[in-house]
């Protein structure tokens, strides 16, 4: 089975059918297909996170016009600080 067959989309948009893509990749029993599906999803997550950080930086720069650098870092508020 080809990767594009295994991640065939439902009638809906790809973003609304991510669960179908994973289910089909698992059911085809081909580790390469599952790895490709997971890899594509990971890339989308990284791109979405980058876009959100860019958006937040622009909002902060509107509020504080003279700001030169915005450093946004994730941390677990319940865990130890780095």
PDB file of N, CA and C in Angstrom:
ATOM      1  N   UNK A   1       0.850  -1.189   0.000  1.00  0.00           N
ATOM      2  CA  UNK A   1       0.000   0.000   0.000  1.00  0.00           C
ATOM      3  C   UNK A   1       0.887   1.239   0.000  1.00  0.00           C
ATOM      4  N   UNK A   2       0.567   2.196  -0.859  1.00  0.00           N
ATOM      5  CA  UNK A   2       1.314   3.455  -0.919  1.00  0.00           C
ATOM      6  C   UNK A   2       0.906   4.357   0.236  1.00  0.00           C
ATOM      7  N   UNK A   3       1.824   5.259   0.608  1.00  0.00           N
ATOM      8  CA  UNK A   3       1.560   6.191   1.705  1.00  0.00           C
ATOM      9  C   UNK A   3       0.321   7.024   1.424  1.00  0.00           C
ATOM     10  N   UNK A   4       0.197   7.534   0.198  1.00  0.00           N
ATOM     11  CA  UNK A   4      -0.953   8.389  -0.105  1.00  0.00           C
ATOM     12  C   UNK A   4      -2.266   7.614  -0.047  1.00  0.00           C
ATOM     13  N   UNK A   5      -2.221   6.306  -0.270  1.00  0.00           N
ATOM     14  CA  UNK A   5      -3.427   5.493  -0.128  1.00  0.00           C
ATOM     15  C   UNK A   5      -3.763   5.302   1.352  1.00  0.00           C
ATOM     16  N   UNK A   6      -2.739   5.102   2.160  1.00  0.00           N
ATOM     17  CA  UNK A   6      -2.962   4.844   3.586  1.00  0.00           C
ATOM     18  C   UNK A   6      -3.475   6.074   4.312  1.00  0.00           C
ATOM     19  N   UNK A   7      -3.088   7.249   3.855  1.00  0.00           N
ATOM     20  CA  UNK A   7      -3.540   8.472   4.519  1.00  0.00           C
ATOM     21  C   UNK A   7      -4.639   9.159   3.725  1.00  0.00           C
ATOM     22  N   UNK A   8      -5.356   8.366   2.937  1.00  0.00           N
ATOM     23  CA  UNK A   8      -6.464   8.900   2.149  1.00  0.00           C
ATOM     24  C   UNK A   8      -7.421   9.658   3.062  1.00  0.00           C
ATOM     25  N   UNK A   9      -7.851  10.794   2.585  1.00  0.00           N
ATOM     26  CA  UNK A   9      -8.705  11.652   3.403  1.00  0.00           C
ATOM     27  C   UNK A   9     -10.164  11.262   3.264  1.00  0.00           C
ATOM     28  N   UNK A  10     -10.921  11.588   4.306  1.00  0.00           N
ATOM     29  CA  UNK A  10     -12.374  11.467   4.226  1.00  0.00           C
ATOM     30  C   UNK A  10     -12.858  12.544   3.265  1.00  0.00           C
ATOM     31  N   UNK A  11     -14.142  12.711   3.147  1.00  0.00           N
ATOM     32  CA  UNK A  11     -14.700  13.752   2.292  1.00  0.00           C
ATOM     33  C   UNK A  11     -14.398  15.137   2.830  1.00  0.00           C
ATOM     34  N   UNK A  12     -13.998  15.197   4.114  1.00  0.00           N
ATOM     35  CA  UNK A  12     -13.720  16.477   4.756  1.00  0.00           C
ATOM     36  C   UNK A  12     -12.311  16.956   4.453  1.00  0.00           C
ATOM     37  N   UNK A  13     -12.021  18.149   4.914  1.00  0.00           N
ATOM     38  CA  UNK A  13     -10.704  18.763   4.825  1.00  0.00           C
ATOM     39  C   UNK A  13      -9.704  17.941   5.647  1.00  0.00           C
ATOM     40  N   UNK A  14      -8.432  17.947   5.258  1.00  0.00           N
ATOM     41  CA  UNK A  14      -7.389  17.159   5.936  1.00  0.00           C
ATOM     42  C   UNK A  14      -7.274  17.519   7.412  1.00  0.00           C
ATOM     43  N   UNK A  15      -7.453  18.778   7.755  1.00  0.00           N
ATOM     44  CA  UNK A  15      -7.291  19.171   9.146  1.00  0.00           C
ATOM     45  C   UNK A  15      -8.422  18.637  10.011  1.00  0.00           C
ATOM     46  N   UNK A  16      -9.573  18.316   9.431  1.00  0.00           N
ATOM     47  CA  UNK A  16     -10.682  17.801  10.223  1.00  0.00           C
ATOM     48  C   UNK A  16     -10.701  16.284  10.233  1.00  0.00           C
ATOM     49  N   UNK A  17      -9.778  15.672   9.520  1.00  0.00           N
ATOM     50  CA  UNK A  17      -9.804  14.224   9.392  1.00  0.00           C
ATOM     51  C   UNK A  17      -8.498  13.572   9.824  1.00  0.00           C
ATOM     52  N   UNK A  18      -7.758  14.213  10.701  1.00  0.00           N
ATOM     53  CA  UNK A  18      -6.464  13.699  11.145  1.00  0.00           C
ATOM     54  C   UNK A  18      -6.614  12.320  11.791  1.00  0.00           C
ATOM     55  N   UNK A  19      -7.650  12.116  12.558  1.00  0.00           N
ATOM     56  CA  UNK A  19      -7.865  10.813  13.192  1.00  0.00           C
ATOM     57  C   UNK A  19      -8.022   9.699  12.173  1.00  0.00           C
ATOM     58  N   UNK A  20      -8.708   9.994  11.073  1.00  0.00           N
ATOM     59  CA  UNK A  20      -8.867   9.000  10.003  1.00  0.00           C
ATOM     60  C   UNK A  20      -7.525   8.635   9.404  1.00  0.00           C
ATOM     61  N   UNK A  21      -6.675   9.617   9.208  1.00  0.00           N
ATOM     62  CA  UNK A  21      -5.359   9.362   8.637  1.00  0.00           C
ATOM     63  C   UNK A  21      -4.549   8.436   9.543  1.00  0.00           C
ATOM     64  N   UNK A  22      -4.550   8.698  10.836  1.00  0.00           N
ATOM     65  CA  UNK A  22      -3.822   7.846  11.765  1.00  0.00           C
ATOM     66  C   UNK A  22      -4.409   6.436  11.800  1.00  0.00           C
ATOM     67  N   UNK A  23      -5.722   6.352  11.848  1.00  0.00           N
ATOM     68  CA  UNK A  23      -6.381   5.043  11.894  1.00  0.00           C
ATOM     69  C   UNK A  23      -6.041   4.214  10.659  1.00  0.00           C
ATOM     70  N   UNK A  24      -6.100   4.836   9.490  1.00  0.00           N
ATOM     71  CA  UNK A  24      -5.791   4.121   8.259  1.00  0.00           C
ATOM     72  C   UNK A  24      -4.322   3.696   8.215  1.00  0.00           C
ATOM     73  N   UNK A  25      -3.435   4.546   8.721  1.00  0.00           N
ATOM     74  CA  UNK A  25      -2.009   4.207   8.742  1.00  0.00           C
ATOM     75  C   UNK A  25      -1.753   3.020   9.671  1.00  0.00           C
ATOM     76  N   UNK A  26      -2.445   2.978  10.793  1.00  0.00           N
ATOM     77  CA  UNK A  26      -2.291   1.861  11.728  1.00  0.00           C
ATOM     78  C   UNK A  26      -2.852   0.576  11.123  1.00  0.00           C
ATOM     79  N   UNK A  27      -4.009   0.679  10.503  1.00  0.00           N
ATOM     80  CA  UNK A  27      -4.663  -0.500   9.945  1.00  0.00           C
ATOM     81  C   UNK A  27      -3.909  -1.106   8.768  1.00  0.00           C
ATOM     82  N   UNK A  28      -3.098  -0.339   8.056  1.00  0.00           N
ATOM     83  CA  UNK A  28      -2.394  -0.900   6.904  1.00  0.00           C
ATOM     84  C   UNK A  28      -1.214  -1.767   7.331  1.00  0.00           C
ATOM     85  N   UNK A  29      -0.863  -1.747   8.614  1.00  0.00           N
ATOM     86  CA  UNK A  29       0.178  -2.622   9.183  1.00  0.00           C
ATOM     87  C   UNK A  29       1.555  -2.399   8.551  1.00  0.00           C
ATOM     88  N   UNK A  30       1.821  -1.221   8.047  1.00  0.00           N
ATOM     89  CA  UNK A  30       3.122  -0.905   7.457  1.00  0.00           C
ATOM     90  C   UNK A  30       3.756   0.203   8.292  1.00  0.00           C
ATOM     91  N   UNK A  31       4.845  -0.125   8.987  1.00  0.00           N
ATOM     92  CA  UNK A  31       5.488   0.852   9.860  1.00  0.00           C
ATOM     93  C   UNK A  31       5.942   2.100   9.105  1.00  0.00           C
ATOM     94  N   UNK A  32       6.362   1.947   7.867  1.00  0.00           N
ATOM     95  CA  UNK A  32       6.817   3.091   7.080  1.00  0.00           C
ATOM     96  C   UNK A  32       5.668   4.077   6.846  1.00  0.00           C
ATOM     97  N   UNK A  33       4.495   3.561   6.601  1.00  0.00           N
ATOM     98  CA  UNK A  33       3.324   4.416   6.381  1.00  0.00           C
ATOM     99  C   UNK A  33       2.970   5.157   7.670  1.00  0.00           C
ATOM    100  N   UNK A  34       2.986   4.447   8.794  1.00  0.00           N
ATOM    101  CA  UNK A  34       2.674   5.088  10.074  1.00  0.00           C
ATOM    102  C   UNK A  34       3.722   6.144  10.401  1.00  0.00           C
ATOM    103  N   UNK A  35       4.982   5.843  10.167  1.00  0.00           N
ATOM    104  CA  UNK A  35       6.047   6.800  10.428  1.00  0.00           C
ATOM    105  C   UNK A  35       5.879   8.053   9.562  1.00  0.00           C
ATOM    106  N   UNK A  36       5.543   7.874   8.301  1.00  0.00           N
ATOM    107  CA  UNK A  36       5.332   9.007   7.395  1.00  0.00           C
ATOM    108  C   UNK A  36       4.152   9.861   7.871  1.00  0.00           C
ATOM    109  N   UNK A  37       3.073   9.214   8.274  1.00  0.00           N
ATOM    110  CA  UNK A  37       1.893   9.933   8.761  1.00  0.00           C
ATOM    111  C   UNK A  37       2.242  10.738  10.009  1.00  0.00           C
ATOM    112  N   UNK A  38       2.952  10.109  10.942  1.00  0.00           N
ATOM    113  CA  UNK A  38       3.347  10.790  12.174  1.00  0.00           C
ATOM    114  C   UNK A  38       4.315  11.931  11.882  1.00  0.00           C
ATOM    115  N   UNK A  39       5.212  11.732  10.934  1.00  0.00           N
ATOM    116  CA  UNK A  39       6.178  12.757  10.563  1.00  0.00           C
ATOM    117  C   UNK A  39       5.482  13.984   9.986  1.00  0.00           C
ATOM    118  N   UNK A  40       4.528  13.752   9.095  1.00  0.00           N
ATOM    119  CA  UNK A  40       3.771  14.865   8.513  1.00  0.00           C
ATOM    120  C   UNK A  40       3.008  15.635   9.592  1.00  0.00           C
ATOM    121  N   UNK A  41       2.426  14.900  10.530  1.00  0.00           N
ATOM    122  CA  UNK A  41       1.701  15.541  11.626  1.00  0.00           C
ATOM    123  C   UNK A  41       2.660  16.373  12.475  1.00  0.00           C
ATOM    124  N   UNK A  42       3.830  15.816  12.774  1.00  0.00           N
ATOM    125  CA  UNK A  42       4.826  16.543  13.566  1.00  0.00           C
ATOM    126  C   UNK A  42       5.245  17.844  12.896  1.00  0.00           C
ATOM    127  N   UNK A  43       5.437  17.797  11.587  1.00  0.00           N
ATOM    128  CA  UNK A  43       5.798  19.004  10.849  1.00  0.00           C
ATOM    129  C   UNK A  43       4.697  20.052  10.961  1.00  0.00           C
ATOM    130  N   UNK A  44       3.449  19.618  10.874  1.00  0.00           N
ATOM    131  CA  UNK A  44       2.326  20.552  10.988  1.00  0.00           C
ATOM    132  C   UNK A  44       2.262  21.183  12.370  1.00  0.00           C
ATOM    133  N   UNK A  45       2.560  20.399  13.407  1.00  0.00           N
ATOM    134  CA  UNK A  45       2.550  20.920  14.774  1.00  0.00           C
ATOM    135  C   UNK A  45       3.623  21.996  14.929  1.00  0.00           C
ATOM    136  N   UNK A  46       4.826  21.713  14.437  1.00  0.00           N
ATOM    137  CA  UNK A  46       5.930  22.675  14.541  1.00  0.00           C
ATOM    138  C   UNK A  46       5.592  23.961  13.786  1.00  0.00           C
ATOM    139  N   UNK A  47       5.035  23.839  12.592  1.00  0.00           N
ATOM    140  CA  UNK A  47       4.658  25.025  11.816  1.00  0.00           C
ATOM    141  C   UNK A  47       3.581  25.831  12.533  1.00  0.00           C
ATOM    142  N   UNK A  48       2.598  25.149  13.102  1.00  0.00           N
ATOM    143  CA  UNK A  48       1.520  25.841  13.814  1.00  0.00           C
ATOM    144  C   UNK A  48       2.062  26.563  15.046  1.00  0.00           C
ATOM    145  N   UNK A  49       2.952  25.924  15.767  1.00  0.00           N
ATOM    146  CA  UNK A  49       3.546  26.543  16.952  1.00  0.00           C
ATOM    147  C   UNK A  49       4.359  27.767  16.562  1.00  0.00           C
ATOM    148  N   UNK A  50       5.141  27.663  15.494  1.00  0.00           N
ATOM    149  CA  UNK A  50       5.921  28.806  15.022  1.00  0.00           C
ATOM    150  C   UNK A  50       5.037  29.970  14.631  1.00  0.00           C
ATOM    151  N   UNK A  51       3.945  29.696  13.949  1.00  0.00           N
ATOM    152  CA  UNK A  51       3.007  30.746  13.550  1.00  0.00           C
ATOM    153  C   UNK A  51       2.386  31.425  14.760  1.00  0.00           C
ATOM    154  N   UNK A  52       2.057  30.639  15.768  1.00  0.00           N
ATOM    155  CA  UNK A  52       1.462  31.206  16.982  1.00  0.00           C
ATOM    156  C   UNK A  52       2.466  32.079  17.728  1.00  0.00           C
ATOM    157  N   UNK A  53       3.717  31.650  17.805  1.00  0.00           N
ATOM    158  CA  UNK A  53       4.751  32.457  18.453  1.00  0.00           C
ATOM    159  C   UNK A  53       4.935  33.770  17.689  1.00  0.00           C
ATOM    160  N   UNK A  54       4.978  33.704  16.364  1.00  0.00           N
ATOM    161  CA  UNK A  54       5.097  34.926  15.552  1.00  0.00           C
ATOM    162  C   UNK A  54       3.942  35.878  15.827  1.00  0.00           C
ATOM    163  N   UNK A  55       2.725  35.322  15.915  1.00  0.00           N
ATOM    164  CA  UNK A  55       1.546  36.150  16.177  1.00  0.00           C
ATOM    165  C   UNK A  55       1.644  36.828  17.542  1.00  0.00           C
ATOM    166  N   UNK A  56       2.059  36.061  18.557  1.00  0.00           N
ATOM    167  CA  UNK A  56       2.199  36.619  19.907  1.00  0.00           C
ATOM    168  C   UNK A  56       3.273  37.701  19.949  1.00  0.00           C
ATOM    169  N   UNK A  57       4.379  37.470  19.268  1.00  0.00           N
ATOM    170  CA  UNK A  57       5.448  38.470  19.236  1.00  0.00           C
ATOM    171  C   UNK A  57       4.948  39.782  18.625  1.00  0.00           C
ATOM    172  N   UNK A  58       4.174  39.688  17.536  1.00  0.00           N
ATOM    173  CA  UNK A  58       3.638  40.894  16.894  1.00  0.00           C
ATOM    174  C   UNK A  58       2.674  41.626  17.817  1.00  0.00           C
ATOM    175  N   UNK A  59       1.854  40.868  18.541  1.00  0.00           N
ATOM    176  CA  UNK A  59       0.925  41.499  19.490  1.00  0.00           C
ATOM    177  C   UNK A  59       1.682  42.224  20.588  1.00  0.00           C
ATOM    178  N   UNK A  60       2.722  41.586  21.105  1.00  0.00           N
ATOM    179  CA  UNK A  60       3.528  42.203  22.167  1.00  0.00           C
ATOM    180  C   UNK A  60       4.206  43.462  21.635  1.00  0.00           C
ATOM    181  N   UNK A  61       4.707  43.416  20.399  1.00  0.00           N
ATOM    182  CA  UNK A  61       5.377  44.577  19.820  1.00  0.00           C
ATOM    183  C   UNK A  61       4.396  45.727  19.576  1.00  0.00           C
ATOM    184  N   UNK A  62       3.119  45.434  19.366  1.00  0.00           N
ATOM    185  CA  UNK A  62       2.117  46.497  19.240  1.00  0.00           C
ATOM    186  C   UNK A  62       1.888  47.161  20.596  1.00  0.00           C
ATOM    187  N   UNK A  63       1.883  46.356  21.651  1.00  0.00           N
ATOM    188  CA  UNK A  63       1.641  46.874  23.003  1.00  0.00           C
ATOM    189  C   UNK A  63       2.849  47.653  23.506  1.00  0.00           C
ATOM    190  N   UNK A  64       4.047  47.149  23.212  1.00  0.00           N
ATOM    191  CA  UNK A  64       5.299  47.787  23.637  1.00  0.00           C
ATOM    192  C   UNK A  64       6.108  48.082  22.375  1.00  0.00           C
ATOM    193  N   UNK A  65       5.833  49.211  21.713  1.00  0.00           N
ATOM    194  CA  UNK A  65       6.434  49.485  20.402  1.00  0.00           C
ATOM    195  C   UNK A  65       7.964  49.496  20.371  1.00  0.00           C
ATOM    196  N   UNK A  66       8.611  49.873  21.451  1.00  0.00           N
ATOM    197  CA  UNK A  66      10.069  49.967  21.453  1.00  0.00           C
ATOM    198  C   UNK A  66      10.785  48.657  21.730  1.00  0.00           C
ATOM    199  N   UNK A  67      10.028  47.592  21.930  1.00  0.00           N
ATOM    200  CA  UNK A  67      10.652  46.310  22.295  1.00  0.00           C
ATOM    201  C   UNK A  67      11.429  45.752  21.094  1.00  0.00           C
ATOM    202  N   UNK A  68      12.622  45.250  21.348  1.00  0.00           N
ATOM    203  CA  UNK A  68      13.477  44.722  20.291  1.00  0.00           C
ATOM    204  C   UNK A  68      13.458  43.218  20.234  1.00  0.00           C
ATOM    205  N   UNK A  69      13.279  42.592  21.369  1.00  0.00           N
ATOM    206  CA  UNK A  69      13.390  41.133  21.411  1.00  0.00           C
ATOM    207  C   UNK A  69      12.305  40.563  22.319  1.00  0.00           C
ATOM    208  N   UNK A  70      11.654  39.535  21.844  1.00  0.00           N
ATOM    209  CA  UNK A  70      10.654  38.821  22.639  1.00  0.00           C
ATOM    210  C   UNK A  70      11.127  37.377  22.729  1.00  0.00           C
ATOM    211  N   UNK A  71      11.291  36.886  23.938  1.00  0.00           N
ATOM    212  CA  UNK A  71      11.751  35.517  24.146  1.00  0.00           C
ATOM    213  C   UNK A  71      10.625  34.736  24.809  1.00  0.00           C
ATOM    214  N   UNK A  72       9.975  33.904  24.034  1.00  0.00           N
ATOM    215  CA  UNK A  72       8.858  33.111  24.548  1.00  0.00           C
ATOM    216  C   UNK A  72       9.355  31.685  24.765  1.00  0.00           C
ATOM    217  N   UNK A  73       9.242  31.229  25.999  1.00  0.00           N
ATOM    218  CA  UNK A  73       9.682  29.875  26.317  1.00  0.00           C
ATOM    219  C   UNK A  73       8.565  29.135  27.040  1.00  0.00           C
ATOM    220  N   UNK A  74       8.488  27.856  26.784  1.00  0.00           N
ATOM    221  CA  UNK A  74       7.492  27.022  27.459  1.00  0.00           C
ATOM    222  C   UNK A  74       8.120  26.405  28.702  1.00  0.00           C
ATOM    223  N   UNK A  75       7.341  26.319  29.740  1.00  0.00           N
ATOM    224  CA  UNK A  75       7.775  25.601  30.930  1.00  0.00           C
ATOM    225  C   UNK A  75       6.541  25.069  31.644  1.00  0.00           C
ATOM    226  N   UNK A  76       6.759  24.102  32.463  1.00  0.00           N
ATOM    227  CA  UNK A  76       5.674  23.496  33.229  1.00  0.00           C
ATOM    228  C   UNK A  76       5.545  24.260  34.539  1.00  0.00           C
ATOM    229  N   UNK A  77       4.441  24.991  34.757  1.00  0.00           N
ATOM    230  CA  UNK A  77       4.291  25.761  35.986  1.00  0.00           C
ATOM    231  C   UNK A  77       4.273  24.897  37.241  1.00  0.00           C
ATOM    232  N   UNK A  78       3.994  23.617  37.082  1.00  0.00           N
ATOM    233  CA  UNK A  78       3.956  22.723  38.235  1.00  0.00           C
ATOM    234  C   UNK A  78       5.286  22.014  38.452  1.00  0.00           C
ATOM    235  N   UNK A  79       6.181  22.095  37.500  1.00  0.00           N
ATOM    236  CA  UNK A  79       7.456  21.420  37.588  1.00  0.00           C
ATOM    237  C   UNK A  79       8.568  22.378  37.955  1.00  0.00           C
ATOM    238  N   UNK A  80       9.784  21.859  38.042  1.00  0.00           N
ATOM    239  CA  UNK A  80      10.921  22.719  38.401  1.00  0.00           C
ATOM    240  C   UNK A  80      11.262  23.678  37.261  1.00  0.00           C
ATOM    241  N   UNK A  81      11.700  24.868  37.604  1.00  0.00           N
ATOM    242  CA  UNK A  81      12.124  25.848  36.602  1.00  0.00           C
ATOM    243  C   UNK A  81      13.516  25.495  36.123  1.00  0.00           C
ATOM    244  N   UNK A  82      13.810  25.813  34.863  1.00  0.00           N
ATOM    245  CA  UNK A  82      15.161  25.502  34.356  1.00  0.00           C
ATOM    246  C   UNK A  82      16.225  26.353  34.971  1.00  0.00           C
TER     247      UNK A  82
END
